[in-house]
């Protein structure tokens, strides 16, 4: 995951946790595994 991806995920996670403190957040997919292309998105699961 790039620094930019990590930053985006951190901001997103903070917003979710402000409203739902018990939320669990995971990133997955090609951005996490490093096999992404310029067209790849950032996959996130919120429970």
Protein backbone atom coordinates (compact mmCIF):
# COMPACT_ATOMS: atom_id res chain seq x y z
CA UNK A 1 0.00 0.00 0.00
CA UNK A 2 1.35 3.43 -0.90
CA UNK A 3 1.72 6.29 1.57
CA UNK A 4 -1.17 8.04 -0.19
CA UNK A 5 -3.38 4.95 0.16
CA UNK A 6 -2.50 4.69 3.86
CA UNK A 7 -3.32 8.34 4.38
CA UNK A 8 -6.68 8.02 2.62
CA UNK A 9 -7.52 4.90 4.63
CA UNK A 10 -6.56 6.62 7.88
CA UNK A 11 -8.81 9.62 7.19
CA UNK A 12 -11.67 7.31 6.18
CA UNK A 13 -11.21 5.10 9.26
CA UNK A 14 -11.17 8.13 11.57
CA UNK A 15 -14.44 9.39 10.08
CA UNK A 16 -16.10 6.00 10.47
CA UNK A 17 -14.86 5.56 14.05
CA UNK A 18 -16.08 9.03 15.04
CA UNK A 19 -19.60 7.89 14.26
CA UNK A 20 -19.22 4.17 15.01
CA UNK A 21 -16.49 3.74 17.67
CA UNK A 22 -16.73 -0.06 17.68
CA UNK A 23 -16.31 -0.36 13.89
CA UNK A 24 -13.67 -2.70 12.51
CA UNK A 25 -12.05 -1.61 9.24
CA UNK A 26 -9.93 -3.68 6.86
CA UNK A 27 -8.32 -2.84 3.56
CA UNK A 28 -7.88 -5.70 1.10
CA UNK A 29 -7.28 -6.39 -2.56
CA UNK A 30 -4.61 -5.37 -5.02
CA UNK A 31 -3.65 -2.13 -3.25
CA UNK A 32 -2.78 -4.11 -0.11
CA UNK A 33 -0.99 -6.96 -1.89
CA UNK A 34 0.97 -4.59 -4.13
CA UNK A 35 -0.39 -5.96 -7.41
CA UNK A 36 -2.39 -2.85 -8.30
CA UNK A 37 -2.45 -0.84 -11.54
CA UNK A 38 -3.27 2.83 -12.14
CA UNK A 39 -6.94 1.80 -12.55
CA UNK A 40 -7.18 -0.09 -9.24
CA UNK A 41 -9.40 1.07 -6.40
CA UNK A 42 -8.91 0.71 -2.65
CA UNK A 43 -11.10 -2.08 -1.28
CA UNK A 44 -12.35 -1.55 2.28
CA UNK A 45 -14.56 -3.64 4.55
CA UNK A 46 -16.35 -1.99 7.48
CA UNK A 47 -18.08 -4.12 10.10
